[in-house]
Protein backbone atom coordinates (compact mmCIF):
# COMPACT_ATOMS: atom_id res chain seq x y z
CA UNK A 1 -0.28 -91.75 -18.19
CA UNK A 2 -2.69 -90.54 -20.83
CA UNK A 3 -2.45 -86.89 -21.69
CA UNK A 4 -5.13 -84.79 -20.02
CA UNK A 5 -7.93 -83.53 -22.22
CA UNK A 6 -8.40 -79.82 -22.53
CA UNK A 7 -11.84 -78.32 -22.47
CA UNK A 8 -12.77 -74.92 -23.85
CA UNK A 9 -13.35 -72.39 -21.07
CA UNK A 10 -16.51 -70.38 -20.84
CA UNK A 11 -16.24 -66.68 -21.49
CA UNK A 12 -18.97 -64.96 -19.44
CA UNK A 13 -18.63 -61.70 -21.31
CA UNK A 14 -19.06 -63.27 -24.79
CA UNK A 15 -21.95 -65.49 -23.63
CA UNK A 16 -20.48 -68.73 -25.03
CA UNK A 17 -21.19 -71.89 -23.06
CA UNK A 18 -19.27 -75.17 -22.84
CA UNK A 19 -20.81 -77.44 -25.50
CA UNK A 20 -21.01 -80.59 -23.36
CA UNK A 21 -22.79 -78.74 -20.55
CA UNK A 22 -25.16 -77.13 -23.06
CA UNK A 23 -26.02 -80.51 -24.55
CA UNK A 24 -26.76 -81.95 -21.09
CA UNK A 25 -28.99 -79.00 -20.22
CA UNK A 26 -30.84 -79.42 -23.55
CA UNK A 27 -31.40 -83.10 -22.83
CA UNK A 28 -32.82 -82.28 -19.41
CA UNK A 29 -35.20 -79.79 -21.00
CA UNK A 30 -36.47 -82.39 -23.50
CA UNK A 31 -36.91 -84.95 -20.72
CA UNK A 32 -38.87 -82.45 -18.66
CA UNK A 33 -41.25 -81.74 -21.53
CA UNK A 34 -41.76 -85.48 -22.15
CA UNK A 35 -42.62 -86.01 -18.50
CA UNK A 36 -45.18 -83.21 -18.68
CA UNK A 37 -46.68 -84.69 -21.89
CA UNK A 38 -47.11 -88.13 -20.22
CA UNK A 39 -48.72 -86.47 -17.19
CA UNK A 40 -51.22 -84.63 -19.35
CA UNK A 41 -52.00 -87.74 -21.39
CA UNK A 42 -52.56 -89.77 -18.22
CA UNK A 43 -54.99 -87.21 -16.86
CA UNK A 44 -57.03 -87.37 -20.06
CA UNK A 45 -57.54 -91.12 -19.61
CA UNK A 46 -58.77 -90.77 -16.00
CA UNK A 47 -62.53 -89.93 -15.95
CA UNK A 48 -63.53 -87.19 -13.53
CA UNK A 49 -65.47 -88.12 -10.41
CA UNK A 50 -68.68 -86.07 -10.27
CA UNK A 51 -66.84 -83.23 -12.02
CA UNK A 52 -64.25 -82.94 -9.20
CA UNK A 53 -60.63 -84.13 -9.25
CA UNK A 54 -59.91 -87.05 -6.92
CA UNK A 55 -57.36 -86.85 -4.12
CA UNK A 56 -55.11 -89.30 -6.01
CA UNK A 57 -55.31 -87.14 -9.15
CA UNK A 58 -54.49 -84.01 -7.20
CA UNK A 59 -51.50 -85.71 -5.56
CA UNK A 60 -50.31 -87.04 -8.90
CA UNK A 61 -50.64 -83.57 -10.39
CA UNK A 62 -48.69 -82.04 -7.49
CA UNK A 63 -45.90 -84.64 -7.71
CA UNK A 64 -45.63 -84.24 -11.47
CA UNK A 65 -45.41 -80.49 -11.13
CA UNK A 66 -42.68 -80.85 -8.52
CA UNK A 67 -40.70 -83.19 -10.77
CA UNK A 68 -41.10 -80.83 -13.69
CA UNK A 69 -40.01 -77.90 -11.51
CA UNK A 70 -36.92 -79.80 -10.30
CA UNK A 71 -35.90 -80.70 -13.84
CA UNK A 72 -36.44 -77.15 -15.04
CA UNK A 73 -34.35 -75.82 -12.15
CA UNK A 74 -31.58 -78.29 -12.90
CA UNK A 75 -31.65 -77.22 -16.54
CA UNK A 76 -31.35 -73.56 -15.68
CA UNK A 77 -28.55 -74.26 -13.21
CA UNK A 78 -26.63 -76.28 -15.81
CA UNK A 79 -26.83 -73.38 -18.23
CA UNK A 80 -25.83 -70.71 -15.71
CA UNK A 81 -23.21 -72.57 -13.62
CA UNK A 82 -20.46 -72.59 -16.32
CA UNK A 83 -20.65 -68.81 -16.50
CA UNK A 84 -19.95 -68.55 -12.78
CA UNK A 85 -17.57 -71.47 -12.24
CA UNK A 86 -15.61 -71.54 -15.50
CA UNK A 87 -15.71 -67.89 -16.60
CA UNK A 88 -13.20 -65.22 -15.72
CA UNK A 89 -12.90 -64.26 -12.05
CA UNK A 90 -14.17 -60.69 -12.41
CA UNK A 91 -17.39 -61.69 -14.16
CA UNK A 92 -18.01 -64.57 -11.78
CA UNK A 93 -17.52 -62.29 -8.82
CA UNK A 94 -19.97 -59.80 -10.33
CA UNK A 95 -22.64 -62.52 -10.63
CA UNK A 96 -22.02 -63.75 -7.09
CA UNK A 97 -22.11 -60.16 -5.81
CA UNK A 98 -25.46 -59.69 -7.52
CA UNK A 99 -26.85 -62.65 -5.58
CA UNK A 100 -25.58 -61.14 -2.34
CA UNK A 101 -27.23 -57.85 -3.19
CA UNK A 102 -30.49 -59.72 -3.68
CA UNK A 103 -30.55 -60.68 -0.01
CA UNK A 104 -28.05 -63.56 0.38
CA UNK A 105 -26.01 -62.95 3.53
CA UNK A 106 -22.25 -63.28 3.20
CA UNK A 107 -20.12 -64.86 5.94
CA UNK A 108 -19.25 -62.52 8.79
CA UNK A 109 -15.82 -60.88 8.56
CA UNK A 110 -13.80 -58.47 10.68
CA UNK A 111 -15.12 -55.63 8.50
CA UNK A 112 -18.58 -56.20 9.96
CA UNK A 113 -17.37 -54.90 13.35
CA UNK A 114 -16.32 -51.29 13.87
CA UNK A 115 -12.75 -51.19 15.20
CA UNK A 116 -11.32 -48.25 17.15
CA UNK A 117 -8.45 -47.19 19.39
CA UNK A 118 -8.02 -44.47 21.98
CA UNK A 119 -6.74 -41.23 20.45
CA UNK A 120 -6.96 -38.61 23.21
CA UNK A 121 -8.95 -36.97 25.97
CA UNK A 122 -10.23 -33.52 24.97
CA UNK A 123 -11.20 -31.00 27.65
CA UNK A 124 -12.71 -27.61 26.70
CA UNK A 125 -13.02 -24.54 28.93
CA UNK A 126 -16.28 -22.69 28.26
CA UNK A 127 -16.08 -18.94 27.70
CA UNK A 128 -18.56 -16.19 26.86
CA UNK A 129 -21.86 -17.07 25.16
CA UNK A 130 -23.76 -15.06 22.53
CA UNK A 131 -27.34 -16.08 21.69
CA UNK A 132 -28.91 -15.26 18.34
CA UNK A 133 -32.45 -16.14 17.20
CA UNK A 134 -33.83 -15.59 13.70
CA UNK A 135 -36.63 -17.24 11.76
CA UNK A 136 -37.36 -19.66 14.59
CA UNK A 137 -33.74 -20.88 14.66
CA UNK A 138 -31.91 -20.47 17.95
CA UNK A 139 -28.13 -20.29 17.91
CA UNK A 140 -25.57 -20.05 20.69
CA UNK A 141 -22.01 -19.05 19.87
CA UNK A 142 -19.85 -20.24 22.72
CA UNK A 143 -16.24 -19.14 23.00
CA UNK A 144 -13.70 -21.77 24.00
CA UNK A 145 -11.47 -20.03 26.52
CA UNK A 146 -8.88 -22.80 26.61
CA UNK A 147 -8.43 -26.44 27.39
CA UNK A 148 -6.10 -29.38 27.02
CA UNK A 149 -5.80 -32.59 25.00
CA UNK A 150 -3.63 -35.58 25.74
CA UNK A 151 -3.17 -39.01 24.27
CA UNK A 152 -0.43 -41.57 23.56
CA UNK A 153 0.68 -39.82 20.33
CA UNK A 154 -0.12 -36.14 20.91
CA UNK A 155 -0.74 -33.68 23.71
CA UNK A 156 -1.00 -29.96 24.21
CA UNK A 157 -3.39 -27.06 24.79
CA UNK A 158 -6.30 -25.42 23.02
CA UNK A 159 -5.62 -21.84 21.91
CA UNK A 160 -7.80 -19.10 20.49
CA UNK A 161 -9.62 -18.20 18.54
CA UNK A 162 -11.78 -21.30 19.08
CA UNK A 163 -15.50 -21.77 19.63
CA UNK A 164 -18.65 -23.84 19.38
CA UNK A 165 -21.50 -22.77 17.10
CA UNK A 166 -24.57 -24.53 18.56
CA UNK A 167 -28.02 -24.80 16.95
CA UNK A 168 -30.88 -25.57 19.35
CA UNK A 169 -33.61 -27.77 17.83
CA UNK A 170 -37.31 -27.86 18.78
CA UNK A 171 -37.07 -31.39 20.21
CA UNK A 172 -34.56 -30.25 22.85
CA UNK A 173 -31.47 -31.60 21.10
CA UNK A 174 -28.61 -29.46 19.79
CA UNK A 175 -26.31 -29.60 16.77
CA UNK A 176 -22.71 -29.10 17.88
CA UNK A 177 -20.21 -27.38 15.59
CA UNK A 178 -16.80 -27.03 17.29
CA UNK A 179 -13.84 -25.37 15.59
CA UNK A 180 -10.64 -25.17 17.57
CA UNK A 181 -6.90 -24.76 17.26
CA UNK A 182 -4.81 -27.40 19.03
CA UNK A 183 -1.25 -26.45 19.87
CA UNK A 184 0.96 -29.43 20.66
CA UNK A 185 3.63 -29.46 23.34
CA UNK A 186 6.25 -29.13 20.58
CA UNK A 187 4.55 -25.94 19.30
CA UNK A 188 2.82 -27.42 16.23
CA UNK A 189 -0.70 -26.26 15.34
CA UNK A 190 -3.60 -28.55 14.35
CA UNK A 191 -6.99 -27.32 13.20
CA UNK A 192 -9.85 -29.45 14.53
CA UNK A 193 -13.48 -29.30 13.37
CA UNK A 194 -16.24 -31.31 15.02
CA UNK A 195 -19.88 -31.83 14.12
CA UNK A 196 -22.08 -33.65 16.61
CA UNK A 197 -25.37 -34.09 18.40
CA UNK A 198 -26.22 -33.47 22.07
CA UNK A 199 -29.48 -34.07 23.90
CA UNK A 200 -30.69 -34.56 27.49
CA UNK A 201 -31.48 -38.07 28.71
CA UNK A 202 -34.65 -38.84 30.70
CA UNK A 203 -32.60 -38.79 33.91
CA UNK A 204 -31.28 -35.31 33.08
CA UNK A 205 -27.80 -36.42 32.03
CA UNK A 206 -26.32 -35.04 28.81
CA UNK A 207 -25.72 -37.45 25.93
CA UNK A 208 -23.33 -36.06 23.30
CA UNK A 209 -21.20 -37.42 20.45
CA UNK A 210 -18.85 -35.50 18.15
CA UNK A 211 -16.99 -36.41 14.93
CA UNK A 212 -13.58 -34.67 14.93
CA UNK A 213 -11.57 -34.12 11.74
CA UNK A 214 -8.05 -32.72 11.71
CA UNK A 215 -5.89 -30.59 9.43
CA UNK A 216 -2.20 -29.86 9.88
CA UNK A 217 0.93 -29.16 7.89
CA UNK A 218 3.22 -30.50 10.62
CA UNK A 219 5.11 -33.52 9.33
CA UNK A 220 5.10 -35.26 12.69
CA UNK A 221 1.29 -35.11 12.89
CA UNK A 222 0.46 -35.50 9.22
CA UNK A 223 -1.21 -38.85 9.91
CA UNK A 224 -4.02 -36.93 11.62
CA UNK A 225 -5.17 -35.60 8.21
CA UNK A 226 -6.49 -39.09 7.40
CA UNK A 227 -8.09 -39.82 10.75
CA UNK A 228 -11.84 -40.23 11.27
CA UNK A 229 -12.71 -40.08 14.96
CA UNK A 230 -15.64 -40.20 17.38
CA UNK A 231 -15.74 -38.30 20.65
CA UNK A 232 -17.86 -39.55 23.56
CA UNK A 233 -18.97 -36.99 26.13
CA UNK A 234 -17.75 -37.58 29.70
CA UNK A 235 -19.33 -35.62 32.57
CA UNK A 236 -16.71 -33.46 34.29
CA UNK A 237 -17.44 -30.76 36.86
CA UNK A 238 -17.14 -27.31 35.27
CA UNK A 239 -15.60 -28.72 32.06
CA UNK A 240 -16.69 -30.09 28.71
CA UNK A 241 -14.77 -33.33 28.20
CA UNK A 242 -14.78 -35.88 25.37
CA UNK A 243 -12.89 -39.14 25.11
CA UNK A 244 -11.90 -39.38 21.45
CA UNK A 245 -11.45 -42.67 19.61
CA UNK A 246 -9.82 -43.17 16.23
CA UNK A 247 -11.86 -45.33 13.86
CA UNK A 248 -9.61 -47.96 12.25
């Protein structure tokens, strides 16, 4: 068996190109120019008809332009392809990524779909309300008198001081800002902060979503410090209840 021939690899960063590929691309360029020269020379020999190009001449011109365009495209591809296919992986990936950024859709992956899992049900007991208005901004500070939370990995009660600092907006919606202390059934404390939006639906129902974040020094619940969650409002008589999902 004859020994395999080794070919120099293209280095995208240095801009060097495989010699054989470069020579082929140069030959294609020369051939393209020769084709264009023959097309121009042929047009000079064909007399115009009443000062207007004939249909045959127009078709010939269109076909010649297409051929020239195809050859030019092939030439450019021959010069660029080694940099992507033969060059180092990081540079090739950067070039391919640039094409994707330009509008080329990549194949669908699991990352294109938001994944979540149930974290807990959160129920808040509403306490006293203080309304404050200044400069056209309406605020309602609502005390959280208590409540419970329960899920597969944590459960317990809500203790004070906790509250919801609400900003009413002119369009009827409200910005929710909940800050609460969660005390687990094994007497560990977790600070929870939630920003969210609430607004009435056309049928009068309340639509609300919150984004809870957690802080704790308890070793058992330390994983909560890295959790991003979404709470979905659930109508409950006399209570404020959210079903909270952990975003994976």
